[in-house]
Amino acid sequence: MKTLSNSPDHLAQTTAATQRLERAIMLAAGDFALILACCNSPQKQQQILNLLTPSSALKIQEIVLQATDETLYTTIQDQIGNLHPDVLMITGLESVVAINQLIASTNIMRDEFRKSFHFPVVLWLNDEILSKLVWLAPDLKNWSANTIRFDFPQHQLINNPILIA
């Protein structure tokens, strides 16, 4: 018996989502764009990041947020300094203790992102953080295109546990 995550449909969905992410990054090259990538599995997220980095001709920088981070804008500024990557991947949102504060401050500072960062920013988040973003930062959420999903929402997994024989 194998789980849905190993099914051909799930692999096809992941491949299609990865291609959408690559396309969104390429289309936004040289300009600020907020790209939301939703993945509930940290292991799967890391696998996708590992695939993207060597296959991309772009310079991808990753920032892993720490539990004590309180603002996204300042954290990015401190990490990248004057060096601007082609693409910035932000991971670790689920580990931030003051996540509500971080999301709210990011919403307030959203115009500064566009002024200061001339590259796409990919926020990797899970369903819980995505819900908080929609609730606490609707203006910021509206700046992004459709969220790119790399797995099923958790409520679908709970309500529809599918096993394939």
N, C-alpha and C. Protein backbone atom coordinates (compact mmCIF):
# COMPACT_ATOMS: atom_id res chain seq x y z
N MET A 1 0.84 -1.17 0.00
CA MET A 1 0.00 0.00 0.00
C MET A 1 0.90 1.24 0.00
N LYS A 2 0.55 2.26 -0.81
CA LYS A 2 1.33 3.48 -0.80
C LYS A 2 0.42 4.65 -0.50
N THR A 3 0.97 5.70 0.06
CA THR A 3 0.16 6.85 0.41
C THR A 3 -0.01 7.73 -0.81
N LEU A 4 -0.92 8.68 -0.70
CA LEU A 4 -1.19 9.59 -1.78
C LEU A 4 0.06 10.35 -2.22
N SER A 5 0.95 10.66 -1.30
CA SER A 5 2.13 11.43 -1.63
C SER A 5 3.03 10.72 -2.62
N ASN A 6 2.90 9.40 -2.75
CA ASN A 6 3.70 8.66 -3.70
C ASN A 6 2.95 8.34 -4.99
N SER A 7 1.71 8.77 -5.08
CA SER A 7 0.90 8.45 -6.24
C SER A 7 1.36 9.25 -7.46
N PRO A 8 1.11 8.74 -8.65
CA PRO A 8 1.46 9.49 -9.87
C PRO A 8 0.78 10.85 -9.94
N ASP A 9 -0.47 10.93 -9.48
CA ASP A 9 -1.19 12.21 -9.51
C ASP A 9 -0.50 13.24 -8.62
N HIS A 10 -0.06 12.79 -7.45
CA HIS A 10 0.60 13.71 -6.52
C HIS A 10 1.95 14.15 -7.07
N LEU A 11 2.69 13.24 -7.68
CA LEU A 11 3.98 13.59 -8.29
C LEU A 11 3.77 14.57 -9.45
N ALA A 12 2.73 14.37 -10.24
CA ALA A 12 2.42 15.28 -11.34
C ALA A 12 2.05 16.66 -10.81
N GLN A 13 1.29 16.68 -9.71
CA GLN A 13 0.90 17.96 -9.10
C GLN A 13 2.15 18.70 -8.60
N THR A 14 3.06 17.99 -7.97
CA THR A 14 4.28 18.61 -7.46
C THR A 14 5.14 19.14 -8.61
N THR A 15 5.26 18.37 -9.67
CA THR A 15 6.04 18.80 -10.83
C THR A 15 5.42 20.05 -11.44
N ALA A 16 4.11 20.06 -11.60
CA ALA A 16 3.42 21.22 -12.18
C ALA A 16 3.60 22.45 -11.28
N ALA A 17 3.51 22.27 -9.97
CA ALA A 17 3.68 23.38 -9.04
C ALA A 17 5.11 23.92 -9.11
N THR A 18 6.08 23.04 -9.21
CA THR A 18 7.48 23.46 -9.32
C THR A 18 7.69 24.26 -10.60
N GLN A 19 7.09 23.82 -11.69
CA GLN A 19 7.19 24.55 -12.96
C GLN A 19 6.52 25.92 -12.86
N ARG A 20 5.38 26.01 -12.16
CA ARG A 20 4.72 27.30 -11.97
C ARG A 20 5.61 28.25 -11.16
N LEU A 21 6.25 27.69 -10.14
CA LEU A 21 7.15 28.50 -9.31
C LEU A 21 8.32 29.02 -10.14
N GLU A 22 8.94 28.15 -10.91
CA GLU A 22 10.06 28.56 -11.76
C GLU A 22 9.62 29.64 -12.76
N ARG A 23 8.45 29.46 -13.35
CA ARG A 23 7.92 30.44 -14.32
C ARG A 23 7.66 31.77 -13.64
N ALA A 24 7.06 31.76 -12.45
CA ALA A 24 6.79 33.00 -11.72
C ALA A 24 8.08 33.73 -11.38
N ILE A 25 9.10 32.99 -11.00
CA ILE A 25 10.39 33.59 -10.68
C ILE A 25 11.00 34.22 -11.93
N MET A 26 10.96 33.51 -13.04
CA MET A 26 11.54 34.02 -14.29
C MET A 26 10.80 35.27 -14.77
N LEU A 27 9.48 35.27 -14.68
CA LEU A 27 8.70 36.42 -15.13
C LEU A 27 8.95 37.66 -14.27
N ALA A 28 9.28 37.45 -13.01
CA ALA A 28 9.48 38.57 -12.09
C ALA A 28 10.94 39.01 -11.99
N ALA A 29 11.82 38.36 -12.70
CA ALA A 29 13.26 38.65 -12.60
C ALA A 29 13.52 40.15 -12.78
N GLY A 30 14.26 40.73 -11.83
CA GLY A 30 14.62 42.13 -11.88
C GLY A 30 13.60 43.07 -11.24
N ASP A 31 12.46 42.54 -10.84
CA ASP A 31 11.42 43.35 -10.21
C ASP A 31 10.97 42.68 -8.91
N PHE A 32 10.39 43.49 -8.02
CA PHE A 32 9.82 42.90 -6.82
C PHE A 32 8.54 42.16 -7.18
N ALA A 33 8.41 40.97 -6.66
CA ALA A 33 7.17 40.21 -6.74
C ALA A 33 7.10 39.36 -5.49
N LEU A 34 5.92 39.25 -4.93
CA LEU A 34 5.70 38.38 -3.78
C LEU A 34 5.08 37.10 -4.30
N ILE A 35 5.78 36.00 -4.07
CA ILE A 35 5.31 34.69 -4.51
C ILE A 35 5.11 33.84 -3.26
N LEU A 36 3.90 33.30 -3.10
CA LEU A 36 3.60 32.46 -1.95
C LEU A 36 3.65 31.00 -2.38
N ALA A 37 4.48 30.22 -1.70
CA ALA A 37 4.62 28.79 -1.95
C ALA A 37 4.16 28.06 -0.69
N CYS A 38 3.10 27.30 -0.80
CA CYS A 38 2.52 26.62 0.36
C CYS A 38 2.87 25.14 0.33
N CYS A 39 3.53 24.70 1.38
CA CYS A 39 3.92 23.30 1.52
C CYS A 39 3.86 22.95 3.00
N ASN A 40 3.07 21.95 3.34
CA ASN A 40 2.90 21.58 4.75
C ASN A 40 3.99 20.66 5.27
N SER A 41 4.82 20.13 4.39
CA SER A 41 5.88 19.22 4.79
C SER A 41 7.24 19.90 4.67
N PRO A 42 7.92 20.13 5.80
CA PRO A 42 9.27 20.73 5.72
C PRO A 42 10.24 19.90 4.90
N GLN A 43 10.11 18.57 4.94
CA GLN A 43 11.00 17.71 4.16
C GLN A 43 10.76 17.91 2.66
N LYS A 44 9.51 17.96 2.26
CA LYS A 44 9.18 18.15 0.86
C LYS A 44 9.62 19.54 0.40
N GLN A 45 9.42 20.52 1.25
CA GLN A 45 9.86 21.88 0.94
C GLN A 45 11.35 21.90 0.67
N GLN A 46 12.12 21.25 1.51
CA GLN A 46 13.57 21.23 1.34
C GLN A 46 13.97 20.50 0.06
N GLN A 47 13.27 19.42 -0.26
CA GLN A 47 13.54 18.69 -1.50
C GLN A 47 13.32 19.59 -2.71
N ILE A 48 12.24 20.36 -2.69
CA ILE A 48 11.95 21.27 -3.81
C ILE A 48 13.01 22.36 -3.90
N LEU A 49 13.40 22.92 -2.77
CA LEU A 49 14.46 23.93 -2.77
C LEU A 49 15.76 23.36 -3.31
N ASN A 50 16.07 22.12 -2.93
CA ASN A 50 17.29 21.47 -3.41
C ASN A 50 17.26 21.26 -4.92
N LEU A 51 16.07 21.01 -5.47
CA LEU A 51 15.92 20.84 -6.91
C LEU A 51 16.03 22.18 -7.64
N LEU A 52 15.45 23.22 -7.07
CA LEU A 52 15.44 24.52 -7.73
C LEU A 52 16.82 25.15 -7.81
N THR A 53 17.56 25.09 -6.75
CA THR A 53 18.82 25.81 -6.66
C THR A 53 19.81 25.42 -7.75
N PRO A 54 20.16 24.14 -7.92
CA PRO A 54 21.15 23.83 -8.95
C PRO A 54 20.61 23.95 -10.38
N SER A 55 19.30 23.80 -10.56
CA SER A 55 18.76 23.82 -11.92
C SER A 55 18.53 25.24 -12.42
N SER A 56 18.60 26.22 -11.54
CA SER A 56 18.31 27.60 -11.91
C SER A 56 19.58 28.32 -12.34
N ALA A 57 19.43 29.14 -13.37
CA ALA A 57 20.53 30.00 -13.81
C ALA A 57 20.60 31.25 -12.95
N LEU A 58 19.61 31.44 -12.11
CA LEU A 58 19.54 32.61 -11.25
C LEU A 58 20.25 32.36 -9.92
N LYS A 59 20.74 33.44 -9.34
CA LYS A 59 21.37 33.36 -8.03
C LYS A 59 20.26 33.38 -6.98
N ILE A 60 20.03 32.22 -6.35
CA ILE A 60 18.98 32.09 -5.35
C ILE A 60 19.61 32.15 -3.96
N GLN A 61 19.07 33.04 -3.13
CA GLN A 61 19.52 33.13 -1.74
C GLN A 61 18.36 32.70 -0.86
N GLU A 62 18.68 31.97 0.18
CA GLU A 62 17.67 31.52 1.13
C GLU A 62 17.93 32.14 2.49
N ILE A 63 16.88 32.64 3.10
CA ILE A 63 16.94 33.12 4.47
C ILE A 63 16.02 32.24 5.29
N VAL A 64 16.57 31.65 6.35
CA VAL A 64 15.79 30.84 7.26
C VAL A 64 15.49 31.70 8.48
N LEU A 65 14.22 31.99 8.68
CA LEU A 65 13.84 32.83 9.82
C LEU A 65 14.06 32.08 11.13
N GLN A 66 14.44 32.84 12.14
CA GLN A 66 14.67 32.30 13.47
C GLN A 66 13.45 32.54 14.33
N ALA A 67 13.32 31.81 15.41
CA ALA A 67 12.18 31.93 16.31
C ALA A 67 12.04 33.34 16.87
N THR A 68 13.15 34.06 17.01
CA THR A 68 13.15 35.39 17.63
C THR A 68 12.94 36.53 16.64
N ASP A 69 12.87 36.26 15.35
CA ASP A 69 12.68 37.32 14.37
C ASP A 69 11.31 37.97 14.57
N GLU A 70 11.29 39.31 14.46
CA GLU A 70 10.05 40.03 14.68
C GLU A 70 9.58 40.81 13.46
N THR A 71 10.49 41.10 12.54
CA THR A 71 10.11 41.81 11.32
C THR A 71 10.79 41.15 10.12
N LEU A 72 10.05 41.01 9.06
CA LEU A 72 10.59 40.40 7.86
C LEU A 72 11.47 41.37 7.09
N TYR A 73 11.02 42.61 6.96
CA TYR A 73 11.77 43.60 6.18
C TYR A 73 13.18 43.79 6.75
N THR A 74 13.28 44.04 8.05
CA THR A 74 14.59 44.26 8.68
C THR A 74 15.45 43.01 8.60
N THR A 75 14.86 41.85 8.79
CA THR A 75 15.62 40.60 8.70
C THR A 75 16.21 40.44 7.31
N ILE A 76 15.43 40.72 6.28
CA ILE A 76 15.96 40.63 4.91
C ILE A 76 17.08 41.65 4.71
N GLN A 77 16.85 42.89 5.11
CA GLN A 77 17.87 43.93 4.95
C GLN A 77 19.17 43.53 5.65
N ASP A 78 19.06 43.02 6.87
CA ASP A 78 20.25 42.61 7.61
C ASP A 78 20.97 41.45 6.94
N GLN A 79 20.23 40.53 6.36
CA GLN A 79 20.84 39.33 5.75
C GLN A 79 21.47 39.62 4.39
N ILE A 80 20.81 40.42 3.56
CA ILE A 80 21.34 40.61 2.20
C ILE A 80 22.25 41.82 2.08
N GLY A 81 22.11 42.80 2.97
CA GLY A 81 22.94 43.99 2.89
C GLY A 81 22.78 44.67 1.54
N ASN A 82 23.91 44.99 0.91
CA ASN A 82 23.89 45.64 -0.40
C ASN A 82 23.86 44.65 -1.55
N LEU A 83 24.05 43.38 -1.25
CA LEU A 83 24.04 42.36 -2.29
C LEU A 83 22.60 41.91 -2.53
N HIS A 84 22.15 42.05 -3.74
CA HIS A 84 20.78 41.67 -4.05
C HIS A 84 20.78 40.42 -4.91
N PRO A 85 20.15 39.37 -4.41
CA PRO A 85 20.09 38.12 -5.18
C PRO A 85 19.11 38.27 -6.35
N ASP A 86 19.11 37.30 -7.23
CA ASP A 86 18.11 37.26 -8.30
C ASP A 86 16.76 36.84 -7.73
N VAL A 87 16.79 35.96 -6.74
CA VAL A 87 15.59 35.43 -6.09
C VAL A 87 15.90 35.24 -4.61
N LEU A 88 14.93 35.57 -3.76
CA LEU A 88 15.10 35.36 -2.33
C LEU A 88 14.01 34.40 -1.85
N MET A 89 14.44 33.30 -1.25
CA MET A 89 13.53 32.31 -0.67
C MET A 89 13.53 32.52 0.84
N ILE A 90 12.35 32.69 1.41
CA ILE A 90 12.20 32.87 2.86
C ILE A 90 11.54 31.61 3.41
N THR A 91 12.24 30.93 4.31
CA THR A 91 11.69 29.75 4.96
C THR A 91 11.70 29.97 6.48
N GLY A 92 11.04 29.08 7.19
CA GLY A 92 11.07 29.12 8.65
C GLY A 92 9.98 29.96 9.28
N LEU A 93 9.02 30.44 8.51
CA LEU A 93 7.94 31.24 9.10
C LEU A 93 7.23 30.51 10.22
N GLU A 94 7.09 29.20 10.08
CA GLU A 94 6.36 28.42 11.09
C GLU A 94 7.10 28.35 12.42
N SER A 95 8.38 28.71 12.44
CA SER A 95 9.15 28.66 13.69
C SER A 95 9.16 29.99 14.43
N VAL A 96 8.67 31.06 13.82
CA VAL A 96 8.70 32.39 14.44
C VAL A 96 7.68 32.44 15.57
N VAL A 97 8.15 32.80 16.76
CA VAL A 97 7.29 32.85 17.93
C VAL A 97 6.25 33.97 17.80
N ALA A 98 6.71 35.16 17.40
CA ALA A 98 5.81 36.32 17.27
C ALA A 98 5.34 36.43 15.81
N ILE A 99 4.77 35.35 15.29
CA ILE A 99 4.40 35.31 13.87
C ILE A 99 3.33 36.34 13.54
N ASN A 100 2.36 36.56 14.43
CA ASN A 100 1.32 37.55 14.16
C ASN A 100 1.92 38.94 14.02
N GLN A 101 2.88 39.27 14.90
CA GLN A 101 3.56 40.56 14.84
C GLN A 101 4.36 40.67 13.54
N LEU A 102 5.07 39.63 13.18
CA LEU A 102 5.88 39.64 11.96
C LEU A 102 5.00 39.86 10.73
N ILE A 103 3.88 39.17 10.66
CA ILE A 103 2.98 39.31 9.51
C ILE A 103 2.38 40.71 9.48
N ALA A 104 1.93 41.21 10.62
CA ALA A 104 1.33 42.55 10.67
C ALA A 104 2.35 43.63 10.28
N SER A 105 3.57 43.53 10.77
CA SER A 105 4.58 44.52 10.43
C SER A 105 4.96 44.43 8.94
N THR A 106 4.94 43.23 8.39
CA THR A 106 5.23 43.06 6.97
C THR A 106 4.15 43.75 6.14
N ASN A 107 2.91 43.63 6.56
CA ASN A 107 1.81 44.30 5.86
C ASN A 107 1.98 45.81 5.89
N ILE A 108 2.37 46.34 7.04
CA ILE A 108 2.57 47.79 7.19
C ILE A 108 3.73 48.26 6.31
N MET A 109 4.78 47.47 6.21
CA MET A 109 6.00 47.85 5.47
C MET A 109 5.95 47.43 3.99
N ARG A 110 4.83 46.98 3.49
CA ARG A 110 4.78 46.37 2.16
C ARG A 110 5.30 47.29 1.06
N ASP A 111 5.05 48.59 1.17
CA ASP A 111 5.54 49.51 0.13
C ASP A 111 7.07 49.57 0.11
N GLU A 112 7.70 49.40 1.26
CA GLU A 112 9.17 49.41 1.33
C GLU A 112 9.77 48.21 0.61
N PHE A 113 9.08 47.10 0.61
CA PHE A 113 9.55 45.92 -0.11
C PHE A 113 9.70 46.26 -1.59
N ARG A 114 8.67 46.87 -2.14
CA ARG A 114 8.68 47.21 -3.57
C ARG A 114 9.76 48.24 -3.89
N LYS A 115 9.98 49.18 -2.99
CA LYS A 115 10.99 50.22 -3.21
C LYS A 115 12.41 49.67 -3.11
N SER A 116 12.63 48.75 -2.17
CA SER A 116 13.99 48.31 -1.84
C SER A 116 14.44 47.03 -2.51
N PHE A 117 13.52 46.16 -2.82
CA PHE A 117 13.90 44.82 -3.31
C PHE A 117 13.46 44.68 -4.76
N HIS A 118 14.43 44.59 -5.64
CA HIS A 118 14.16 44.47 -7.08
C HIS A 118 14.42 43.04 -7.52
N PHE A 119 13.76 42.14 -6.84
CA PHE A 119 13.86 40.71 -7.12
C PHE A 119 12.64 40.04 -6.50
N PRO A 120 12.27 38.87 -7.03
CA PRO A 120 11.13 38.17 -6.43
C PRO A 120 11.48 37.60 -5.05
N VAL A 121 10.50 37.67 -4.16
CA VAL A 121 10.62 37.10 -2.82
C VAL A 121 9.60 35.97 -2.72
N VAL A 122 10.11 34.77 -2.47
CA VAL A 122 9.24 33.60 -2.33
C VAL A 122 9.10 33.30 -0.85
N LEU A 123 7.87 33.43 -0.34
CA LEU A 123 7.59 33.08 1.04
C LEU A 123 7.08 31.65 1.08
N TRP A 124 7.84 30.78 1.76
CA TRP A 124 7.42 29.39 1.94
C TRP A 124 6.63 29.34 3.23
N LEU A 125 5.39 28.89 3.13
CA LEU A 125 4.55 28.83 4.31
C LEU A 125 3.69 27.58 4.27
N ASN A 126 3.11 27.28 5.42
CA ASN A 126 2.18 26.14 5.49
C ASN A 126 0.76 26.71 5.57
N ASP A 127 -0.23 25.83 5.63
CA ASP A 127 -1.62 26.28 5.65
C ASP A 127 -1.93 27.19 6.84
N GLU A 128 -1.36 26.89 7.99
CA GLU A 128 -1.62 27.71 9.18
C GLU A 128 -1.11 29.14 8.99
N ILE A 129 0.11 29.27 8.48
CA ILE A 129 0.69 30.60 8.27
C ILE A 129 -0.04 31.32 7.13
N LEU A 130 -0.43 30.59 6.11
CA LEU A 130 -1.20 31.18 5.01
C LEU A 130 -2.51 31.77 5.52
N SER A 131 -3.20 31.04 6.40
CA SER A 131 -4.46 31.55 6.99
C SER A 131 -4.20 32.82 7.78
N LYS A 132 -3.12 32.85 8.54
CA LYS A 132 -2.78 34.05 9.31
C LYS A 132 -2.46 35.22 8.38
N LEU A 133 -1.77 34.94 7.29
CA LEU A 133 -1.43 35.99 6.33
C LEU A 133 -2.69 36.58 5.71
N VAL A 134 -3.63 35.74 5.34
CA VAL A 134 -4.89 36.20 4.77
C VAL A 134 -5.65 37.06 5.78
N TRP A 135 -5.64 36.65 7.01
CA TRP A 135 -6.38 37.34 8.06
C TRP A 135 -5.70 38.64 8.52
N LEU A 136 -4.38 38.57 8.76
CA LEU A 136 -3.65 39.70 9.35
C LEU A 136 -3.05 40.66 8.33
N ALA A 137 -2.88 40.21 7.09
CA ALA A 137 -2.23 41.05 6.08
C ALA A 137 -2.91 40.90 4.72
N PRO A 138 -4.18 41.24 4.65
CA PRO A 138 -4.89 41.06 3.38
C PRO A 138 -4.32 41.88 2.24
N ASP A 139 -3.81 43.08 2.53
CA ASP A 139 -3.22 43.90 1.47
C ASP A 139 -1.97 43.25 0.91
N LEU A 140 -1.15 42.72 1.79
CA LEU A 140 0.07 42.02 1.36
C LEU A 140 -0.30 40.78 0.56
N LYS A 141 -1.26 40.03 1.03
CA LYS A 141 -1.69 38.82 0.33
C LYS A 141 -2.18 39.15 -1.08
N ASN A 142 -2.88 40.28 -1.21
CA ASN A 142 -3.39 40.68 -2.52
C ASN A 142 -2.28 41.04 -3.50
N TRP A 143 -1.09 41.33 -3.02
CA TRP A 143 0.04 41.62 -3.90
C TRP A 143 0.55 40.36 -4.59
N SER A 144 0.28 39.25 -4.01
CA SER A 144 0.79 38.00 -4.60
C SER A 144 -0.22 37.46 -5.60
N ALA A 145 0.30 36.68 -6.52
CA ALA A 145 -0.60 35.97 -7.44
C ALA A 145 -1.21 34.80 -6.66
N ASN A 146 -1.83 33.89 -7.35
CA ASN A 146 -2.38 32.71 -6.67
C ASN A 146 -1.26 31.98 -5.95
N THR A 147 -1.58 31.47 -4.78
CA THR A 147 -0.62 30.69 -4.01
C THR A 147 -0.27 29.41 -4.76
N ILE A 148 1.01 29.11 -4.82
CA ILE A 148 1.47 27.88 -5.48
C ILE A 148 1.51 26.79 -4.42
N ARG A 149 0.68 25.76 -4.59
CA ARG A 149 0.56 24.68 -3.60
C ARG A 149 1.39 23.48 -4.03
N PHE A 150 2.12 22.95 -3.05
CA PHE A 150 2.93 21.76 -3.29
C PHE A 150 2.37 20.52 -2.63
N ASP A 151 1.25 20.65 -1.98
CA ASP A 151 0.55 19.51 -1.41
C ASP A 151 -0.88 19.94 -1.12
N PHE A 152 -1.68 19.00 -0.69
CA PHE A 152 -3.07 19.29 -0.40
C PHE A 152 -3.18 20.07 0.89
N PRO A 153 -4.16 20.96 1.00
CA PRO A 153 -4.38 21.65 2.28
C PRO A 153 -4.62 20.64 3.39
N GLN A 154 -4.17 20.97 4.60
CA GLN A 154 -4.29 20.03 5.72
C GLN A 154 -5.73 19.61 5.98
N HIS A 155 -6.69 20.52 5.82
CA HIS A 155 -8.08 20.14 6.09
C HIS A 155 -8.56 19.09 5.11
N GLN A 156 -8.02 19.10 3.88
CA GLN A 156 -8.39 18.06 2.92
C GLN A 156 -7.77 16.72 3.30
N LEU A 157 -6.56 16.76 3.81
CA LEU A 157 -5.90 15.52 4.23
C LEU A 157 -6.62 14.90 5.43
N ILE A 158 -7.08 15.74 6.33
CA ILE A 158 -7.77 15.24 7.52
C ILE A 158 -9.14 14.69 7.14
N ASN A 159 -9.85 15.42 6.30
CA ASN A 159 -11.20 15.02 5.93
C ASN A 159 -11.24 13.91 4.89
N ASN A 160 -10.17 13.76 4.14
CA ASN A 160 -10.14 12.77 3.05
C ASN A 160 -8.87 11.94 3.10
N PRO A 161 -8.68 11.13 4.12
CA PRO A 161 -7.46 10.32 4.16
C PRO A 161 -7.53 9.26 3.06
N ILE A 162 -6.70 9.42 2.04
CA ILE A 162 -6.76 8.54 0.88
C ILE A 162 -5.55 7.60 0.90
N LEU A 163 -5.80 6.35 0.80
CA LEU A 163 -4.73 5.38 0.64
C LEU A 163 -4.98 4.63 -0.67
N ILE A 164 -3.92 4.41 -1.39
CA ILE A 164 -4.03 3.70 -2.65
C ILE A 164 -3.42 2.33 -2.49
N ALA A 165 -4.14 1.31 -2.85
CA ALA A 165 -3.64 -0.05 -2.69
C ALA A 165 -2.70 -0.40 -3.83
